PDB file of N, CA and C in Angstrom:
ATOM      1  N   MET A   1      11.642 -22.012   4.988  1.00  0.00           N
ATOM      2  CA  MET A   1      12.552 -21.134   4.277  1.00  0.00           C
ATOM      3  C   MET A   1      12.911 -19.959   5.189  1.00  0.00           C
ATOM      4  N   PRO A   2      14.171 -19.789   5.508  1.00  0.00           N
ATOM      5  CA  PRO A   2      14.555 -18.731   6.454  1.00  0.00           C
ATOM      6  C   PRO A   2      14.391 -17.332   5.860  1.00  0.00           C
ATOM      7  N   CYS A   3      14.193 -16.375   6.744  1.00  0.00           N
ATOM      8  CA  CYS A   3      14.076 -14.968   6.340  1.00  0.00           C
ATOM      9  C   CYS A   3      15.365 -14.200   6.570  1.00  0.00           C
ATOM     10  N   ILE A   4      16.284 -14.797   7.331  1.00  0.00           N
ATOM     11  CA  ILE A   4      17.575 -14.170   7.610  1.00  0.00           C
ATOM     12  C   ILE A   4      18.666 -15.140   7.187  1.00  0.00           C
ATOM     13  N   SER A   5      19.621 -14.654   6.404  1.00  0.00           N
ATOM     14  CA  SER A   5      20.730 -15.504   5.959  1.00  0.00           C
ATOM     15  C   SER A   5      21.790 -15.603   7.055  1.00  0.00           C
ATOM     16  N   ALA A   6      22.757 -16.461   6.826  1.00  0.00           N
ATOM     17  CA  ALA A   6      23.819 -16.683   7.812  1.00  0.00           C
ATOM     18  C   ALA A   6      24.612 -15.403   8.104  1.00  0.00           C
ATOM     19  N   ASP A   7      24.675 -14.489   7.128  1.00  0.00           N
ATOM     20  CA  ASP A   7      25.414 -13.245   7.351  1.00  0.00           C
ATOM     21  C   ASP A   7      24.546 -12.145   7.989  1.00  0.00           C
ATOM     22  N   GLY A   8      23.304 -12.501   8.393  1.00  0.00           N
ATOM     23  CA  GLY A   8      22.453 -11.558   9.099  1.00  0.00           C
ATOM     24  C   GLY A   8      21.627 -10.642   8.225  1.00  0.00           C
ATOM     25  N   LYS A   9      21.621 -10.871   6.924  1.00  0.00           N
ATOM     26  CA  LYS A   9      20.849 -10.046   5.998  1.00  0.00           C
ATOM     27  C   LYS A   9      19.558 -10.767   5.615  1.00  0.00           C
ATOM     28  N   PRO A  10      18.518 -10.006   5.256  1.00  0.00           N
ATOM     29  CA  PRO A  10      17.267 -10.649   4.845  1.00  0.00           C
ATOM     30  C   PRO A  10      17.439 -11.448   3.548  1.00  0.00           C
ATOM     31  N   THR A  11      16.837 -12.611   3.507  1.00  0.00           N
ATOM     32  CA  THR A  11      16.796 -13.431   2.295  1.00  0.00           C
ATOM     33  C   THR A  11      15.711 -12.859   1.372  1.00  0.00           C
ATOM     34  N   PRO A  12      15.557 -13.384   0.148  1.00  0.00           N
ATOM     35  CA  PRO A  12      14.464 -12.908  -0.707  1.00  0.00           C
ATOM     36  C   PRO A  12      13.082 -13.031  -0.036  1.00  0.00           C
ATOM     37  N   THR A  13      12.867 -14.101   0.700  1.00  0.00           N
ATOM     38  CA  THR A  13      11.606 -14.258   1.433  1.00  0.00           C
ATOM     39  C   THR A  13      11.477 -13.183   2.505  1.00  0.00           C
ATOM     40  N   GLY A  14      12.565 -12.919   3.212  1.00  0.00           N
ATOM     41  CA  GLY A  14      12.568 -11.868   4.226  1.00  0.00           C
ATOM     42  C   GLY A  14      12.314 -10.499   3.618  1.00  0.00           C
ATOM     43  N   MET A  15      12.901 -10.242   2.463  1.00  0.00           N
ATOM     44  CA  MET A  15      12.704  -8.958   1.795  1.00  0.00           C
ATOM     45  C   MET A  15      11.249  -8.791   1.373  1.00  0.00           C
ATOM     46  N   ALA A  16      10.616  -9.858   0.893  1.00  0.00           N
ATOM     47  CA  ALA A  16       9.202  -9.791   0.504  1.00  0.00           C
ATOM     48  C   ALA A  16       8.345  -9.435   1.715  1.00  0.00           C
ATOM     49  N   THR A  17       8.675 -10.011   2.857  1.00  0.00           N
ATOM     50  CA  THR A  17       7.934  -9.715   4.085  1.00  0.00           C
ATOM     51  C   THR A  17       8.157  -8.268   4.507  1.00  0.00           C
ATOM     52  N   LEU A  18       9.395  -7.805   4.453  1.00  0.00           N
ATOM     53  CA  LEU A  18       9.694  -6.415   4.814  1.00  0.00           C
ATOM     54  C   LEU A  18       8.962  -5.445   3.886  1.00  0.00           C
ATOM     55  N   LYS A  19       8.978  -5.724   2.597  1.00  0.00           N
ATOM     56  CA  LYS A  19       8.320  -4.836   1.636  1.00  0.00           C
ATOM     57  C   LYS A  19       6.811  -4.790   1.855  1.00  0.00           C
ATOM     58  N   ALA A  20       6.232  -5.899   2.319  1.00  0.00           N
ATOM     59  CA  ALA A  20       4.799  -5.913   2.611  1.00  0.00           C
ATOM     60  C   ALA A  20       4.468  -4.957   3.753  1.00  0.00           C
ATOM     61  N   LEU A  21       5.432  -4.691   4.613  1.00  0.00           N
ATOM     62  CA  LEU A  21       5.224  -3.827   5.781  1.00  0.00           C
ATOM     63  C   LEU A  21       5.557  -2.363   5.524  1.00  0.00           C
ATOM     64  N   GLN A  22       6.011  -2.025   4.331  1.00  0.00           N
ATOM     65  CA  GLN A  22       6.481  -0.661   4.112  1.00  0.00           C
ATOM     66  C   GLN A  22       5.363   0.387   4.138  1.00  0.00           C
ATOM     67  N   ASP A  23       4.116  -0.025   3.981  1.00  0.00           N
ATOM     68  CA  ASP A  23       3.018   0.946   4.033  1.00  0.00           C
ATOM     69  C   ASP A  23       2.365   1.048   5.404  1.00  0.00           C
ATOM     70  N   GLY A  24       2.874   0.275   6.376  1.00  0.00           N
ATOM     71  CA  GLY A  24       2.324   0.362   7.720  1.00  0.00           C
ATOM     72  C   GLY A  24       2.235  -0.989   8.394  1.00  0.00           C
ATOM     73  N   ALA A  25       1.817  -0.964   9.644  1.00  0.00           N
ATOM     74  CA  ALA A  25       1.752  -2.176  10.458  1.00  0.00           C
ATOM     75  C   ALA A  25       0.673  -3.125   9.944  1.00  0.00           C
ATOM     76  N   LEU A  26       1.012  -4.414   9.947  1.00  0.00           N
ATOM     77  CA  LEU A  26       0.093  -5.457   9.483  1.00  0.00           C
ATOM     78  C   LEU A  26       0.124  -6.642  10.430  1.00  0.00           C
ATOM     79  N   SER A  27      -0.968  -7.387  10.449  1.00  0.00           N
ATOM     80  CA  SER A  27      -1.015  -8.643  11.181  1.00  0.00           C
ATOM     81  C   SER A  27      -0.350  -9.726  10.324  1.00  0.00           C
ATOM     82  N   PRO A  28       0.026 -10.852  10.914  1.00  0.00           N
ATOM     83  CA  PRO A  28       0.592 -11.946  10.117  1.00  0.00           C
ATOM     84  C   PRO A  28      -0.347 -12.372   8.981  1.00  0.00           C
ATOM     85  N   GLU A  29      -1.641 -12.378   9.248  1.00  0.00           N
ATOM     86  CA  GLU A  29      -2.608 -12.773   8.218  1.00  0.00           C
ATOM     87  C   GLU A  29      -2.591 -11.798   7.041  1.00  0.00           C
ATOM     88  N   GLU A  30      -2.466 -10.516   7.332  1.00  0.00           N
ATOM     89  CA  GLU A  30      -2.411  -9.505   6.271  1.00  0.00           C
ATOM     90  C   GLU A  30      -1.120  -9.629   5.466  1.00  0.00           C
ATOM     91  N   VAL A  31       0.001  -9.913   6.154  1.00  0.00           N
ATOM     92  CA  VAL A  31       1.269 -10.111   5.450  1.00  0.00           C
ATOM     93  C   VAL A  31       1.161 -11.323   4.529  1.00  0.00           C
ATOM     94  N   ALA A  32       0.560 -12.396   5.011  1.00  0.00           N
ATOM     95  CA  ALA A  32       0.387 -13.601   4.193  1.00  0.00           C
ATOM     96  C   ALA A  32      -0.436 -13.287   2.946  1.00  0.00           C
ATOM     97  N   GLY A  33      -1.478 -12.481   3.109  1.00  0.00           N
ATOM     98  CA  GLY A  33      -2.306 -12.097   1.966  1.00  0.00           C
ATOM     99  C   GLY A  33      -1.548 -11.268   0.942  1.00  0.00           C
ATOM    100  N   LYS A  34      -0.693 -10.373   1.420  1.00  0.00           N
ATOM    101  CA  LYS A  34       0.074  -9.514   0.504  1.00  0.00           C
ATOM    102  C   LYS A  34       1.195 -10.259  -0.203  1.00  0.00           C
ATOM    103  N   THR A  35       1.812 -11.224   0.495  1.00  0.00           N
ATOM    104  CA  THR A  35       2.978 -11.897  -0.073  1.00  0.00           C
ATOM    105  C   THR A  35       2.645 -13.217  -0.755  1.00  0.00           C
ATOM    106  N   GLY A  36       1.485 -13.784  -0.445  1.00  0.00           N
ATOM    107  CA  GLY A  36       1.137 -15.095  -0.999  1.00  0.00           C
ATOM    108  C   GLY A  36       1.836 -16.243  -0.297  1.00  0.00           C
ATOM    109  N   GLN A  37       2.510 -15.953   0.817  1.00  0.00           N
ATOM    110  CA  GLN A  37       3.195 -17.000   1.579  1.00  0.00           C
ATOM    111  C   GLN A  37       2.209 -17.650   2.545  1.00  0.00           C
ATOM    112  N   PRO A  38       2.426 -18.920   2.870  1.00  0.00           N
ATOM    113  CA  PRO A  38       1.565 -19.564   3.867  1.00  0.00           C
ATOM    114  C   PRO A  38       1.711 -18.876   5.224  1.00  0.00           C
ATOM    115  N   LEU A  39       0.620 -18.844   5.977  1.00  0.00           N
ATOM    116  CA  LEU A  39       0.609 -18.162   7.264  1.00  0.00           C
ATOM    117  C   LEU A  39       1.673 -18.689   8.223  1.00  0.00           C
ATOM    118  N   PHE A  40       1.889 -20.012   8.260  1.00  0.00           N
ATOM    119  CA  PHE A  40       2.903 -20.559   9.174  1.00  0.00           C
ATOM    120  C   PHE A  40       4.281 -20.032   8.832  1.00  0.00           C
ATOM    121  N   ARG A  41       4.563 -19.855   7.550  1.00  0.00           N
ATOM    122  CA  ARG A  41       5.865 -19.337   7.133  1.00  0.00           C
ATOM    123  C   ARG A  41       5.999 -17.854   7.483  1.00  0.00           C
ATOM    124  N   VAL A  42       4.931 -17.113   7.307  1.00  0.00           N
ATOM    125  CA  VAL A  42       4.947 -15.688   7.647  1.00  0.00           C
ATOM    126  C   VAL A  42       5.193 -15.515   9.142  1.00  0.00           C
ATOM    127  N   ARG A  43       4.492 -16.294   9.959  1.00  0.00           N
ATOM    128  CA  ARG A  43       4.676 -16.165  11.415  1.00  0.00           C
ATOM    129  C   ARG A  43       6.105 -16.461  11.832  1.00  0.00           C
ATOM    130  N   SER A  44       6.679 -17.532  11.320  1.00  0.00           N
ATOM    131  CA  SER A  44       8.066 -17.847  11.698  1.00  0.00           C
ATOM    132  C   SER A  44       9.022 -16.803  11.134  1.00  0.00           C
ATOM    133  N   GLY A  45       8.746 -16.315   9.933  1.00  0.00           N
ATOM    134  CA  GLY A  45       9.592 -15.283   9.343  1.00  0.00           C
ATOM    135  C   GLY A  45       9.551 -13.984  10.121  1.00  0.00           C
ATOM    136  N   LEU A  46       8.356 -13.600  10.563  1.00  0.00           N
ATOM    137  CA  LEU A  46       8.243 -12.382  11.363  1.00  0.00           C
ATOM    138  C   LEU A  46       9.000 -12.513  12.683  1.00  0.00           C
ATOM    139  N   ARG A  47       8.962 -13.700  13.281  1.00  0.00           N
ATOM    140  CA  ARG A  47       9.743 -13.922  14.519  1.00  0.00           C
ATOM    141  C   ARG A  47      11.235 -13.747  14.236  1.00  0.00           C
ATOM    142  N   GLU A  48      11.709 -14.350  13.142  1.00  0.00           N
ATOM    143  CA  GLU A  48      13.125 -14.207  12.773  1.00  0.00           C
ATOM    144  C   GLU A  48      13.491 -12.744  12.546  1.00  0.00           C
ATOM    145  N   LEU A  49      12.662 -12.054  11.769  1.00  0.00           N
ATOM    146  CA  LEU A  49      12.939 -10.654  11.458  1.00  0.00           C
ATOM    147  C   LEU A  49      12.888  -9.785  12.705  1.00  0.00           C
ATOM    148  N   LYS A  50      11.998 -10.107  13.622  1.00  0.00           N
ATOM    149  CA  LYS A  50      11.924  -9.372  14.891  1.00  0.00           C
ATOM    150  C   LYS A  50      13.181  -9.611  15.719  1.00  0.00           C
ATOM    151  N   ASN A  51      13.596 -10.863  15.829  1.00  0.00           N
ATOM    152  CA  ASN A  51      14.794 -11.193  16.607  1.00  0.00           C
ATOM    153  C   ASN A  51      16.047 -10.554  16.017  1.00  0.00           C
ATOM    154  N   ALA A  52      16.062 -10.353  14.704  1.00  0.00           N
ATOM    155  CA  ALA A  52      17.210  -9.741  14.039  1.00  0.00           C
ATOM    156  C   ALA A  52      17.125  -8.212  14.025  1.00  0.00           C
ATOM    157  N   GLY A  53      16.008  -7.655  14.524  1.00  0.00           N
ATOM    158  CA  GLY A  53      15.881  -6.206  14.619  1.00  0.00           C
ATOM    159  C   GLY A  53      15.313  -5.516  13.394  1.00  0.00           C
ATOM    160  N   PHE A  54      14.770  -6.269  12.436  1.00  0.00           N
ATOM    161  CA  PHE A  54      14.225  -5.666  11.223  1.00  0.00           C
ATOM    162  C   PHE A  54      12.770  -5.226  11.371  1.00  0.00           C
ATOM    163  N   VAL A  55      12.032  -5.860  12.280  1.00  0.00           N
ATOM    164  CA  VAL A  55      10.649  -5.471  12.530  1.00  0.00           C
ATOM    165  C   VAL A  55      10.404  -5.342  14.029  1.00  0.00           C
ATOM    166  N   GLU A  56       9.351  -4.606  14.356  1.00  0.00           N
ATOM    167  CA  GLU A  56       8.917  -4.441  15.743  1.00  0.00           C
ATOM    168  C   GLU A  56       7.482  -4.932  15.834  1.00  0.00           C
ATOM    169  N   GLN A  57       7.107  -5.417  17.003  1.00  0.00           N
ATOM    170  CA  GLN A  57       5.766  -5.940  17.210  1.00  0.00           C
ATOM    171  C   GLN A  57       5.007  -5.080  18.212  1.00  0.00           C
ATOM    172  N   THR A  58       3.772  -4.752  17.874  1.00  0.00           N
ATOM    173  CA  THR A  58       2.859  -4.102  18.796  1.00  0.00           C
ATOM    174  C   THR A  58       1.576  -4.917  18.763  1.00  0.00           C
ATOM    175  N   GLU A  59       1.270  -5.555  19.875  1.00  0.00           N
ATOM    176  CA  GLU A  59       0.146  -6.482  19.984  1.00  0.00           C
ATOM    177  C   GLU A  59       0.240  -7.516  18.872  1.00  0.00           C
ATOM    178  N   ASN A  60      -0.751  -7.584  17.964  1.00  0.00           N
ATOM    179  CA  ASN A  60      -0.703  -8.592  16.908  1.00  0.00           C
ATOM    180  C   ASN A  60      -0.319  -7.996  15.555  1.00  0.00           C
ATOM    181  N   LYS A  61       0.329  -6.838  15.568  1.00  0.00           N
ATOM    182  CA  LYS A  61       0.752  -6.189  14.325  1.00  0.00           C
ATOM    183  C   LYS A  61       2.267  -6.038  14.317  1.00  0.00           C
ATOM    184  N   TYR A  62       2.805  -6.057  13.132  1.00  0.00           N
ATOM    185  CA  TYR A  62       4.249  -5.903  12.942  1.00  0.00           C
ATOM    186  C   TYR A  62       4.490  -4.705  12.045  1.00  0.00           C
ATOM    187  N   MET A  63       5.587  -3.987  12.334  1.00  0.00           N
ATOM    188  CA  MET A  63       5.965  -2.844  11.518  1.00  0.00           C
ATOM    189  C   MET A  63       7.477  -2.829  11.341  1.00  0.00           C
ATOM    190  N   LEU A  64       7.913  -2.117  10.327  1.00  0.00           N
ATOM    191  CA  LEU A  64       9.342  -2.012  10.078  1.00  0.00           C
ATOM    192  C   LEU A  64      10.027  -1.220  11.178  1.00  0.00           C
ATOM    193  N   SER A  65      11.205  -1.667  11.568  1.00  0.00           N
ATOM    194  CA  SER A  65      12.064  -0.872  12.449  1.00  0.00           C
ATOM    195  C   SER A  65      12.906   0.035  11.550  1.00  0.00           C
ATOM    196  N   LYS A  66      13.733   0.864  12.140  1.00  0.00           N
ATOM    197  CA  LYS A  66      14.638   1.688  11.341  1.00  0.00           C
ATOM    198  C   LYS A  66      15.570   0.812  10.514  1.00  0.00           C
ATOM    199  N   THR A  67      16.025  -0.288  11.097  1.00  0.00           N
ATOM    200  CA  THR A  67      16.904  -1.207  10.371  1.00  0.00           C
ATOM    201  C   THR A  67      16.160  -1.850   9.212  1.00  0.00           C
ATOM    202  N   GLY A  68      14.908  -2.227   9.429  1.00  0.00           N
ATOM    203  CA  GLY A  68      14.101  -2.822   8.370  1.00  0.00           C
ATOM    204  C   GLY A  68      13.837  -1.851   7.241  1.00  0.00           C
ATOM    205  N   THR A  69      13.562  -0.590   7.592  1.00  0.00           N
ATOM    206  CA  THR A  69      13.337   0.427   6.587  1.00  0.00           C
ATOM    207  C   THR A  69      14.595   0.631   5.747  1.00  0.00           C
ATOM    208  N   ALA A  70      15.747   0.681   6.392  1.00  0.00           N
ATOM    209  CA  ALA A  70      17.007   0.850   5.671  1.00  0.00           C
ATOM    210  C   ALA A  70      17.296  -0.337   4.751  1.00  0.00           C
ATOM    211  N   ALA A  71      16.903  -1.528   5.166  1.00  0.00           N
ATOM    212  CA  ALA A  71      17.187  -2.737   4.393  1.00  0.00           C
ATOM    213  C   ALA A  71      16.447  -2.769   3.052  1.00  0.00           C
ATOM    214  N   ILE A  72      15.276  -2.149   2.984  1.00  0.00           N
ATOM    215  CA  ILE A  72      14.513  -2.215   1.735  1.00  0.00           C
ATOM    216  C   ILE A  72      14.752  -1.009   0.825  1.00  0.00           C
ATOM    217  N   GLN A  73      15.606  -0.108   1.251  1.00  0.00           N
ATOM    218  CA  GLN A  73      15.885   1.055   0.394  1.00  0.00           C
ATOM    219  C   GLN A  73      17.145   0.892  -0.391  1.00  0.00           C
TER     220      GLN A  73
END
């Protein structure tokens, strides 16, 4: 299930992932725990969201970018 739609906006799955990150940086495993999504889906979703500029990665943690923060408000 993609996290970014054809028009470049987060899908409902993408929004759930972004909202899980609104309190701070999390590992893929922590995002999976918060969202209830399978880990493989979270990892691919985080890659999509990173490539689209919605999240940033530092080591094994992901956090919202300015674009990601704006998307959930």
